[in-house]
Protein backbone atom coordinates (compact mmCIF):
# COMPACT_ATOMS: atom_id res chain seq x y z
CA MET A 1 22.19 5.11 1.40
CA ARG A 2 20.66 8.68 1.49
CA TYR A 3 17.30 9.55 0.71
CA LEU A 4 16.10 12.50 -1.45
CA SER A 5 12.66 14.16 -1.54
CA THR A 6 10.89 14.87 -5.34
CA ARG A 7 10.76 17.98 -5.39
CA GLY A 8 14.61 19.14 -5.23
CA ASN A 9 15.49 19.62 -1.86
CA PRO A 10 19.25 19.46 -1.85
CA ASP A 11 18.90 17.20 1.63
CA ARG A 12 20.36 13.89 1.60
CA LYS A 13 18.87 11.95 4.85
CA ARG A 14 19.16 8.36 6.06
CA PHE A 15 16.59 5.68 6.52
CA CYS A 16 15.88 6.11 10.46
CA GLU A 17 15.66 9.74 10.20
CA ILE A 18 12.69 9.47 7.54
CA LEU A 19 11.02 6.56 8.85
CA LEU A 20 9.85 9.31 11.82
CA GLU A 21 9.55 11.98 9.36
CA GLY A 22 6.93 11.49 6.78
CA LEU A 23 7.00 14.09 4.12
CA ALA A 24 9.94 16.10 2.75
CA PRO A 25 10.32 19.74 4.07
CA ASP A 26 9.25 20.97 0.26
CA GLY A 27 6.18 18.55 0.64
CA GLY A 28 7.88 16.22 -1.81
CA LEU A 29 8.31 12.23 -0.93
CA TYR A 30 11.46 10.42 -0.13
CA LEU A 31 13.10 7.96 -2.69
CA PRO A 32 16.40 6.57 -2.39
CA GLU A 33 19.29 8.11 -4.23
CA ALA A 34 19.47 5.14 -6.22
CA TYR A 35 17.87 1.66 -6.91
CA PRO A 36 20.07 -1.08 -5.86
CA GLN A 37 20.37 -3.18 -8.20
CA VAL A 38 19.58 -6.85 -8.40
CA SER A 39 21.71 -8.94 -10.16
CA ASP A 40 20.70 -12.64 -11.77
CA ALA A 41 22.88 -13.99 -9.33
CA THR A 42 22.21 -12.85 -6.44
CA LEU A 43 18.24 -13.20 -7.07
CA GLN A 44 18.65 -16.91 -7.06
CA GLN A 45 20.25 -16.51 -3.75
CA TRP A 46 16.91 -14.88 -3.01
CA ARG A 47 14.97 -17.41 -4.52
CA THR A 48 16.78 -20.01 -2.07
CA VAL A 49 16.76 -18.09 1.17
CA TYR A 50 12.68 -17.37 0.74
CA HIS A 51 11.89 -21.31 -0.30
CA GLN A 52 14.27 -22.72 2.28
CA GLN A 53 14.01 -20.17 5.26
CA GLY A 54 10.99 -18.26 4.52
CA TYR A 55 9.65 -14.52 4.54
CA ALA A 56 11.93 -12.98 7.14
CA ALA A 57 14.23 -14.00 5.71
CA LEU A 58 13.94 -12.11 2.60
CA ALA A 59 12.84 -9.51 3.98
CA PHE A 60 15.88 -8.56 5.81
CA GLU A 61 18.39 -9.34 2.58
CA ILE A 62 15.98 -6.98 0.92
CA LEU A 63 15.38 -4.32 3.04
CA SER A 64 19.28 -4.34 4.47
CA LEU A 65 19.66 -3.00 1.30
CA TYR A 66 18.18 0.35 1.97
CA ILE A 67 18.67 0.40 6.15
CA ASP A 68 22.17 0.62 6.44
CA ASP A 69 21.38 2.69 10.11
CA ILE A 70 20.06 -0.20 11.94
CA PRO A 71 22.47 -2.86 12.75
CA ALA A 72 22.09 -5.70 10.87
CA ASP A 73 21.07 -8.16 14.06
CA ASP A 74 19.07 -5.96 15.35
CA LEU A 75 17.20 -5.09 11.11
CA ARG A 76 16.56 -9.46 11.08
CA ALA A 77 15.17 -9.67 14.37
CA LEU A 78 12.58 -7.41 13.37
CA CYS A 79 12.07 -8.99 10.50
CA ALA A 80 11.45 -12.12 12.24
CA LYS A 81 9.21 -10.81 14.65
CA THR A 82 7.00 -9.09 12.45
CA TYR A 83 6.39 -12.12 10.13
CA THR A 84 5.59 -14.92 11.89
CA ALA A 85 2.80 -17.19 10.99
CA GLU A 86 1.32 -16.02 14.54
CA VAL A 87 0.78 -12.82 12.99
CA PHE A 88 -0.24 -13.96 9.77
CA GLY A 89 -2.12 -17.06 10.71
CA THR A 90 0.41 -18.73 8.29
CA GLY A 91 3.95 -19.31 7.70
CA GLU A 92 4.17 -19.18 4.11
CA ILE A 93 3.03 -15.64 5.10
CA VAL A 94 1.84 -14.32 1.41
CA PRO A 95 1.16 -17.82 -0.62
CA LEU A 96 -0.28 -18.37 -4.08
CA ARG A 97 -3.30 -19.49 -5.14
CA HIS A 98 -3.98 -21.15 -8.38
CA LEU A 99 -6.73 -19.58 -10.20
CA GLU A 100 -6.19 -20.57 -13.85
CA ASP A 101 -3.24 -21.47 -16.47
CA GLY A 102 -1.26 -19.00 -16.09
CA VAL A 103 -2.97 -16.74 -13.38
CA TRP A 104 -2.24 -16.16 -9.81
CA ILE A 105 -4.00 -14.70 -6.62
CA GLU A 106 -0.95 -13.61 -4.19
CA ALA A 107 -3.06 -13.81 -0.77
CA LEU A 108 -1.84 -10.50 1.05
CA SER A 109 -4.65 -10.27 3.74
CA ASN A 110 -3.93 -12.90 6.01
CA GLY A 111 -2.70 -10.32 8.60
CA PRO A 112 -4.74 -9.19 11.93
CA THR A 113 -7.01 -6.86 9.98
CA LEU A 114 -7.67 -9.07 6.75
CA ALA A 115 -6.20 -6.50 4.34
CA PHE A 116 -2.95 -6.37 2.45
CA LYS A 117 -1.96 -2.90 5.24
CA ASP A 118 -1.18 -5.65 7.42
CA MET A 119 2.35 -6.23 5.49
CA ALA A 120 3.55 -3.26 5.69
CA MET A 121 1.87 -1.67 9.14
CA GLN A 122 3.18 -4.45 11.29
CA LEU A 123 6.13 -4.18 10.38
CA LEU A 124 6.26 -0.58 11.03
CA GLY A 125 4.91 -0.38 14.16
CA ASN A 126 8.01 -2.91 15.25
CA LEU A 127 10.40 0.03 13.35
CA PHE A 128 9.14 2.75 15.12
CA GLU A 129 8.95 1.27 18.66
CA TYR A 130 12.61 0.32 17.79
CA GLU A 131 13.75 4.11 16.95
CA LEU A 132 11.79 6.05 19.14
CA GLY A 133 13.15 3.55 21.95
CA ARG A 134 16.82 3.80 20.56
CA ARG A 135 15.76 7.97 21.28
CA GLY A 136 14.05 8.33 24.03
CA GLU A 137 11.59 10.02 22.27
CA GLU A 138 7.77 9.96 21.57
CA LEU A 139 6.15 10.55 18.08
CA ASN A 140 1.96 11.23 17.28
CA ILE A 141 0.96 9.65 14.16
CA LEU A 142 -1.42 11.48 11.87
CA GLY A 143 -2.93 9.30 9.11
CA ALA A 144 -5.94 9.11 6.28
CA THR A 145 -7.48 6.24 5.55
CA SER A 146 -10.28 4.96 3.31
CA GLY A 147 -10.29 1.77 4.73
CA ASP A 148 -7.27 -0.32 5.24
CA THR A 149 -4.83 1.67 6.24
CA GLY A 150 -7.10 2.99 9.21
CA SER A 151 -7.12 -0.26 10.84
CA ALA A 152 -3.85 -1.82 9.70
CA ALA A 153 -2.24 1.23 11.42
CA GLU A 154 -4.25 1.04 14.28
CA TYR A 155 -3.61 -2.48 15.32
CA ALA A 156 -0.29 -1.98 14.57
CA MET A 157 0.61 0.35 16.87
CA ARG A 158 -1.60 0.32 19.78
CA GLY A 159 -0.22 -0.29 22.84
CA LYS A 160 3.26 0.29 21.31
CA LYS A 161 5.60 2.84 23.52
CA GLY A 162 5.97 6.20 22.65
CA VAL A 163 3.18 6.48 20.08
CA ARG A 164 -0.22 8.12 19.77
CA VAL A 165 -2.38 7.35 16.27
CA PHE A 166 -4.75 10.27 14.93
CA MET A 167 -6.50 8.67 11.86
CA THR A 168 -9.00 10.52 10.37
CA SER A 169 -11.30 8.80 7.52
CA PRO A 170 -14.39 10.19 5.39
CA HIS A 171 -17.60 9.78 8.12
CA GLY A 172 -19.95 6.95 6.25
CA ARG A 173 -17.89 6.01 3.54
CA MET A 174 -16.07 2.34 4.39
CA SER A 175 -17.92 -0.39 4.88
CA PRO A 176 -19.75 -1.25 8.40
CA PHE A 177 -16.92 -4.18 9.05
CA GLN A 178 -14.29 -1.16 8.32
CA GLN A 179 -15.47 0.91 10.43
CA ALA A 180 -16.31 -1.59 13.87
CA GLN A 181 -12.55 -2.84 13.10
CA MET A 182 -11.66 0.54 13.79
CA PHE A 183 -13.94 2.57 15.94
CA SER A 184 -14.37 -0.18 17.88
CA LEU A 185 -10.57 -0.21 19.32
CA GLN A 186 -10.77 1.42 22.91
CA ASP A 187 -6.82 1.23 23.52
CA ALA A 188 -5.86 5.04 24.95
CA ASN A 189 -2.98 5.71 22.10
CA ILE A 190 -5.91 5.73 19.46
CA HIS A 191 -7.87 8.40 17.93
CA ASN A 192 -10.14 8.10 15.60
CA ILE A 193 -11.72 11.45 13.79
CA ALA A 194 -14.56 10.69 10.66
CA ILE A 195 -14.06 13.93 8.87
CA ASN A 196 -17.09 15.19 6.94
CA GLY A 197 -15.76 15.04 3.30
CA VAL A 198 -13.95 12.33 1.36
CA PHE A 199 -10.50 10.63 1.49
CA ASP A 200 -9.08 13.54 -0.57
CA ASP A 201 -9.89 15.52 2.23
CA CYS A 202 -8.55 13.79 5.13
CA GLN A 203 -5.51 12.93 2.65
CA ASP A 204 -5.48 16.99 2.47
CA ILE A 205 -5.34 17.36 6.18
CA VAL A 206 -2.34 14.88 6.81
CA LYS A 207 -0.30 16.69 4.19
CA ALA A 208 -1.56 20.90 5.38
CA VAL A 209 -0.30 19.34 9.14
CA SER A 210 2.44 17.75 7.70
CA ASN A 211 3.41 20.89 6.17
CA ASP A 212 3.20 23.24 8.82
CA LEU A 213 6.48 22.71 9.57
CA ALA A 214 6.35 24.43 13.25
CA PHE A 215 3.64 22.52 14.10
CA LYS A 216 5.10 18.80 12.87
CA ARG A 217 8.88 19.67 15.36
CA LYS A 218 6.33 20.55 18.47
CA TYR A 219 3.82 17.63 18.30
CA LYS A 220 6.43 15.61 15.74
CA ILE A 221 3.95 14.73 13.98
CA GLY A 222 4.58 11.32 11.87
CA THR A 223 2.89 9.31 9.15
CA VAL A 224 1.88 5.80 8.06
CA ASN A 225 0.27 6.24 5.11
CA SER A 226 1.97 5.32 1.93
CA ILE A 227 3.89 8.92 1.81
CA ASN A 228 6.31 7.05 4.26
CA TRP A 229 9.09 5.68 2.11
CA ALA A 230 9.31 2.73 5.24
CA ARG A 231 5.71 1.25 4.51
CA LEU A 232 6.15 1.28 0.77
CA LEU A 233 9.55 -0.46 0.98
CA ALA A 234 8.54 -3.06 3.10
CA GLN A 235 5.45 -3.89 0.08
CA VAL A 236 8.19 -4.28 -2.37
CA VAL A 237 9.15 -7.61 -0.14
CA TYR A 238 6.42 -9.72 -1.59
CA TYR A 239 6.49 -8.82 -5.29
CA PHE A 240 10.08 -10.77 -4.76
CA ALA A 241 7.98 -13.37 -2.80
CA GLY A 242 5.11 -13.72 -5.84
CA TYR A 243 7.63 -13.79 -8.71
CA PHE A 244 9.60 -16.56 -6.70
CA GLN A 245 6.54 -18.99 -6.01
CA ALA A 246 5.07 -18.67 -9.43
CA THR A 247 8.35 -19.37 -11.36
CA ALA A 248 9.31 -22.17 -9.27
CA SER A 249 9.26 -24.88 -11.13
CA ASP A 250 6.08 -26.63 -9.07
CA PRO A 251 4.93 -24.13 -7.41
CA MET A 252 2.16 -26.32 -5.89
CA ASN A 253 4.51 -28.56 -4.31
CA ILE A 254 7.01 -25.74 -3.41
CA ARG A 255 5.11 -24.39 -1.34
CA ALA A 256 4.89 -27.77 0.81
CA GLY A 257 8.63 -28.39 0.55
CA VAL A 258 9.12 -30.52 -1.87
CA GLY A 259 10.42 -30.11 -5.97
CA SER A 260 13.26 -28.17 -7.16
CA PHE A 261 13.85 -24.26 -6.97
CA SER A 262 14.90 -23.29 -10.73
CA VAL A 263 12.87 -21.14 -12.86
CA ILE A 264 10.75 -22.26 -15.20
CA GLU A 265 10.41 -20.47 -18.85
CA PRO A 266 9.47 -17.27 -19.73
CA SER A 267 11.32 -15.70 -16.06
CA LYS A 268 8.96 -13.06 -16.35
CA VAL A 269 5.89 -12.48 -14.40
CA SER A 270 3.15 -9.96 -14.62
CA PHE A 271 1.43 -8.45 -11.88
CA ALA A 272 -2.20 -6.36 -11.75
CA VAL A 273 -3.07 -4.24 -8.92
CA PRO A 274 -6.26 -2.88 -7.62
CA SER A 275 -4.86 0.96 -7.04
CA GLY A 276 -6.07 4.04 -5.77
CA ASN A 277 -3.27 5.81 -3.68
CA PHE A 278 -0.99 4.07 -6.71
CA GLY A 279 1.25 3.46 -3.25
CA ASN A 280 0.68 -0.52 -3.88
CA VAL A 281 1.84 -0.69 -7.36
CA CYS A 282 4.55 1.93 -6.90
CA ALA A 283 6.37 -0.79 -4.73
CA GLY A 284 6.25 -2.75 -7.79
CA HIS A 285 7.94 -0.58 -9.64
CA VAL A 286 10.55 0.00 -7.04
CA ALA A 287 10.88 -3.90 -7.26
CA ARG A 288 11.24 -3.83 -11.03
CA GLN A 289 13.89 -1.13 -11.12
CA MET A 290 16.13 -3.12 -8.44
CA GLY A 291 15.89 -5.67 -11.43
CA LEU A 292 12.27 -8.07 -10.29
CA PRO A 293 12.13 -8.89 -14.09
CA VAL A 294 8.46 -7.82 -13.91
CA ASP A 295 7.27 -7.53 -17.76
CA LYS A 296 3.31 -5.35 -17.27
CA LEU A 297 2.15 -3.74 -13.93
CA VAL A 298 -1.03 -3.77 -14.15
CA VAL A 299 -3.14 -0.28 -12.82
CA ALA A 300 -6.26 -1.56 -12.50
CA THR A 301 -8.75 1.46 -10.90
CA ASN A 302 -12.71 1.12 -9.59
CA GLU A 303 -15.16 4.28 -11.25
CA ASN A 304 -12.70 6.90 -9.48
CA ASP A 305 -10.11 6.16 -12.60
CA VAL A 306 -7.51 8.68 -12.25
CA LEU A 307 -4.63 6.21 -12.23
CA ASP A 308 -6.25 4.73 -16.04
CA GLU A 309 -6.66 8.02 -17.50
CA PHE A 310 -3.05 8.95 -16.87
CA PHE A 311 -1.83 6.04 -18.41
CA ARG A 312 -4.22 6.19 -21.25
CA THR A 313 -3.52 9.82 -22.12
CA GLY A 314 -1.20 11.24 -20.46
CA VAL A 315 -3.38 13.61 -18.66
CA TYR A 316 -3.51 13.75 -14.61
CA ARG A 317 -6.54 15.42 -13.42
CA VAL A 318 -7.47 15.39 -9.85
CA ARG A 319 -11.48 15.05 -9.30
CA GLY A 320 -13.27 17.14 -6.45
CA THR A 321 -15.35 16.02 -3.54
CA ALA A 322 -18.63 16.00 -5.67
CA ASP A 323 -16.95 13.98 -8.55
CA THR A 324 -15.53 11.02 -6.46
CA HIS A 325 -17.69 8.23 -6.21
CA GLU A 326 -18.70 6.71 -3.59
CA THR A 327 -18.36 2.58 -5.34
CA SER A 328 -18.67 -0.73 -3.77
CA SER A 329 -14.48 -0.82 -3.47
CA PRO A 330 -14.59 2.16 -1.61
CA SER A 331 -10.48 1.98 -0.55
CA MET A 332 -10.03 2.97 -3.70
CA ASP A 333 -11.95 5.49 -4.16
CA ILE A 334 -9.70 8.23 -4.09
CA SER A 335 -8.90 11.05 -6.86
CA LYS A 336 -5.43 12.03 -5.82
CA ALA A 337 -2.87 9.54 -5.91
CA SER A 338 -0.29 10.83 -3.41
CA ASN A 339 2.12 8.38 -4.24
CA PHE A 340 2.26 8.68 -7.95
CA GLU A 341 4.76 12.14 -7.20
CA ARG A 342 7.08 8.99 -6.96
CA PHE A 343 7.11 7.54 -10.34
CA VAL A 344 6.58 10.81 -11.94
CA PHE A 345 9.54 12.34 -10.79
CA ASP A 346 11.13 8.61 -12.48
CA LEU A 347 9.56 9.02 -15.29
CA LEU A 348 10.95 12.23 -15.78
CA GLY A 349 14.36 11.70 -15.43
CA ARG A 350 14.49 12.33 -12.00
CA ASP A 351 13.82 15.95 -12.05
CA GLY A 352 12.92 17.83 -9.09
CA ALA A 353 12.22 21.43 -10.35
CA ARG A 354 9.98 20.08 -12.80
CA VAL A 355 8.34 17.62 -10.45
CA LYS A 356 8.29 20.57 -8.15
CA ALA A 357 6.38 22.23 -10.85
CA LEU A 358 3.47 19.84 -11.81
CA PHE A 359 2.49 18.31 -8.08
CA GLY A 360 3.05 22.23 -6.32
CA GLU A 361 1.59 24.95 -8.13
CA GLY A 362 0.75 23.37 -11.24
CA LEU A 363 -2.05 21.22 -9.59
CA SER A 364 -2.97 23.94 -6.91
CA LYS A 365 -3.98 25.85 -9.48
CA THR A 366 -5.36 23.31 -12.36
CA GLY A 367 -6.21 20.79 -10.39
CA GLN A 368 -4.12 18.72 -13.80
CA PHE A 369 -1.34 18.61 -15.69
CA ASP A 370 -0.68 17.04 -19.16
CA LEU A 371 2.40 15.09 -20.34
CA SER A 372 0.60 13.78 -23.25
CA ALA A 373 3.62 15.49 -25.43
CA ASP A 374 6.13 14.16 -23.03
CA PRO A 375 8.99 11.63 -24.91
CA ALA A 376 8.83 10.80 -21.27
CA PHE A 377 5.05 9.53 -21.84
CA ALA A 378 5.58 6.67 -24.12
CA GLN A 379 8.02 5.43 -21.67
CA ALA A 380 5.87 4.01 -18.85
CA ALA A 381 4.42 1.48 -21.11
CA THR A 382 7.67 0.68 -22.64
CA ARG A 383 9.95 1.46 -20.23
CA TYR A 384 8.55 0.98 -17.05
CA GLY A 385 5.41 -1.47 -18.01
CA PHE A 386 2.55 0.34 -16.65
CA VAL A 387 -0.15 -0.32 -18.38
CA SER A 388 -4.15 0.02 -17.23
CA GLY A 389 -7.68 -0.52 -17.34
CA LYS A 390 -11.03 0.07 -15.00
CA SER A 391 -13.67 -1.95 -13.04
CA THR A 392 -17.32 -0.87 -12.42
CA HIS A 393 -20.06 -2.08 -10.14
CA ALA A 394 -21.53 -4.71 -12.63
CA ASN A 395 -17.73 -5.81 -13.68
CA ARG A 396 -17.31 -6.21 -9.80
CA LEU A 397 -20.23 -8.33 -9.54
CA GLN A 398 -19.47 -10.65 -12.33
CA THR A 399 -16.12 -11.29 -12.02
CA ILE A 400 -16.30 -12.09 -8.25
CA GLN A 401 -20.09 -14.30 -9.19
CA ASP A 402 -17.13 -15.88 -12.05
CA THR A 403 -14.67 -16.42 -10.13
CA TRP A 404 -16.80 -18.17 -7.25
CA SER A 405 -18.71 -20.18 -9.73
CA ARG A 406 -15.48 -21.19 -12.25
CA HIS A 407 -13.06 -21.59 -9.31
CA GLY A 408 -15.09 -21.82 -5.85
CA MET A 409 -13.29 -19.23 -4.62
CA VAL A 410 -14.60 -15.79 -2.85
CA ILE A 411 -12.96 -13.03 -3.36
CA ASP A 412 -13.17 -9.31 -2.24
CA THR A 413 -14.54 -5.79 -4.26
CA HIS A 414 -11.09 -4.82 -4.88
CA THR A 415 -9.63 -7.36 -5.50
CA ALA A 416 -11.91 -9.04 -8.42
CA ASP A 417 -11.22 -5.16 -9.53
CA GLY A 418 -7.31 -5.95 -10.07
CA LEU A 419 -8.89 -9.50 -11.71
CA LYS A 420 -11.20 -8.25 -13.81
CA VAL A 421 -7.97 -5.28 -15.55
CA GLY A 422 -5.46 -8.59 -15.06
CA LEU A 423 -7.35 -10.38 -17.31
CA GLU A 424 -7.73 -7.81 -19.71
CA GLN A 425 -3.63 -7.06 -20.08
CA ARG A 426 -2.42 -10.88 -20.26
CA THR A 427 -0.29 -11.45 -22.18
CA ALA A 428 0.13 -15.35 -23.32
CA GLY A 429 3.25 -17.48 -21.46
CA VAL A 430 3.10 -15.07 -18.63
CA PRO A 431 1.84 -15.62 -15.68
CA MET A 432 -0.20 -12.85 -14.20
CA VAL A 433 0.09 -12.19 -10.32
CA VAL A 434 -3.37 -10.62 -8.92
CA LEU A 435 -2.52 -8.94 -5.70
CA GLU A 436 -5.25 -9.77 -3.01
CA THR A 437 -6.22 -6.94 -1.03
CA ALA A 438 -8.50 -7.61 1.72
CA LEU A 439 -10.97 -10.95 2.56
CA PRO A 440 -14.24 -10.93 1.66
CA ILE A 441 -15.99 -9.95 4.66
CA LYS A 442 -15.23 -6.47 4.73
CA PHE A 443 -17.09 -5.87 1.97
CA ALA A 444 -20.22 -8.66 2.68
CA ALA A 445 -22.94 -6.37 1.64
CA THR A 446 -21.93 -6.57 -1.84
CA ILE A 447 -20.44 -10.43 -2.03
CA VAL A 448 -24.28 -11.00 -0.80
CA GLU A 449 -25.50 -9.04 -3.73
CA ALA A 450 -23.48 -11.04 -5.84
CA LEU A 451 -23.50 -14.94 -4.75
CA GLY A 452 -26.78 -14.23 -2.42
CA ARG A 453 -24.61 -15.63 0.65
CA GLU A 454 -22.20 -13.98 3.42
CA PRO A 455 -18.93 -14.66 2.99
CA GLU A 456 -16.64 -16.46 5.71
CA ARG A 457 -15.64 -14.57 8.94
CA PRO A 458 -12.86 -15.17 10.88
CA ALA A 459 -14.28 -16.63 14.66
CA LYS A 460 -12.21 -13.37 15.96
CA PHE A 461 -14.39 -10.55 14.40
CA GLU A 462 -18.10 -11.61 15.57
CA GLY A 463 -20.48 -9.53 16.55
CA ILE A 464 -17.43 -6.68 16.06
CA GLU A 465 -20.30 -3.98 14.56
CA ALA A 466 -22.49 -4.27 17.83
CA LEU A 467 -19.17 -3.18 19.84
CA PRO A 468 -19.12 0.12 21.65
CA LYS A 469 -17.24 2.78 18.72
CA ARG A 470 -14.84 5.55 20.32
CA VAL A 471 -14.82 8.37 17.05
CA GLN A 472 -15.58 11.73 16.74
CA VAL A 473 -16.68 13.32 13.97
CA MET A 474 -15.32 16.85 12.73
CA ASP A 475 -15.31 18.90 9.87
CA ALA A 476 -12.24 19.11 7.26
CA ASP A 477 -10.32 21.63 9.15
CA VAL A 478 -6.90 21.99 9.67
CA ALA A 479 -7.01 23.61 12.66
CA ALA A 480 -9.11 21.66 14.26
CA ILE A 481 -7.25 19.33 13.63
CA GLN A 482 -4.25 20.44 14.98
CA ALA A 483 -6.19 22.25 18.11
CA LEU A 484 -6.88 18.12 18.94
CA ILE A 485 -3.99 17.08 18.82
CA ALA A 486 -2.36 19.56 21.12
CA ALA A 487 -4.60 19.09 23.83
CA GLU A 488 -4.43 14.85 24.05
CA CYS A 489 -0.09 15.63 23.76
CA GLY A 490 -0.83 18.44 27.28
CA TYR A 491 2.11 20.51 25.38
């Protein structure tokens, strides 16, 4: 398996090269030269593997199609080390929770930081440590977070040999719980940097440093944001797991180890995905391109509706800092979706030169591009299954209230966005799986506003907001961030 850049760089690289590299040298994002195709027979085989051997075994089957420069036994061991009941609190790892007829919530927030980012980040930490150990090298991870990526990365990388983490976040724009999760870590290899600005300013810093090739090589800069293909690849697995559960003849009994593995009709499933940076739903796109029978990929945004606007109109219009809303689903307060470039690359027939013109020169000059008149735009829905919708604070409160009153289930604000839009996009007879993104405690203020009660808090996080904090507040200055990295590295 070889990987290419979305912007046409002629180089082709193997998995472990791009694992440590992040962005391609031309500023593009890596994708495989072709998506491996999964036959019906293989899909049935994987179904049996998942139900009989578990999530880690399924992860190995999928990842091994993309990773041929790690010995199979080592990759299998890495998957087994990552996806355990001890790490994720349940042997099921990503159980489906039934909401109502044909609607399921896939629980992705059982990991150490109570967010779906743990699903990929725990694997990424083990992959980094493994590959750096093979090479005898170090890696300085520079990341940007709007809330959950940062804590997931830091908990996955804390104490890892040869790894330092420099995590930027928008100052004052995360929930108190999210801030406490990150800033209370005292590990010497973890560095938190609160940027005066919004998430997109943090993301721009990461990209600017990654595009400074001399600095990147000298200080061995890597990324954990979903611009890193390895992270997105890890997320592909839970789409297959969700599908296998939703299409089992008796999903409620399958998890208890009884019942058959036969497929119910119809065999297609739709997924509703709360979306900010487009990484989570892009993993669904990859799964669908591999052959997973997905009907719709529902892109659910909050008031920062850049992605919804594109799928409705064909216009991709980046907002500036002043026009990026601060909302009650803050991890989606993003107006420049990095992973969207991967989908547009596929949408435009993998024309790297055209993608470079759109995302490079085009966005830098005008802040937008328009594909409404391009015949390819219609394929976003008809060929690739993408539909979209928007949720507001009022919608969020109503969805949280309704889910609690009718089903006795408390959901977080981002999952509420996904559920609201997912219900609007339902197709009769096709199961709708809503991807949970975090546990409600991470956004307690809005839960209290909606329900008048505090959400449950895992015992290990009691009093976390009162712990000492280790964080630096800085302006959105690329040179200053580079100087900080250089100083911490000492070379």
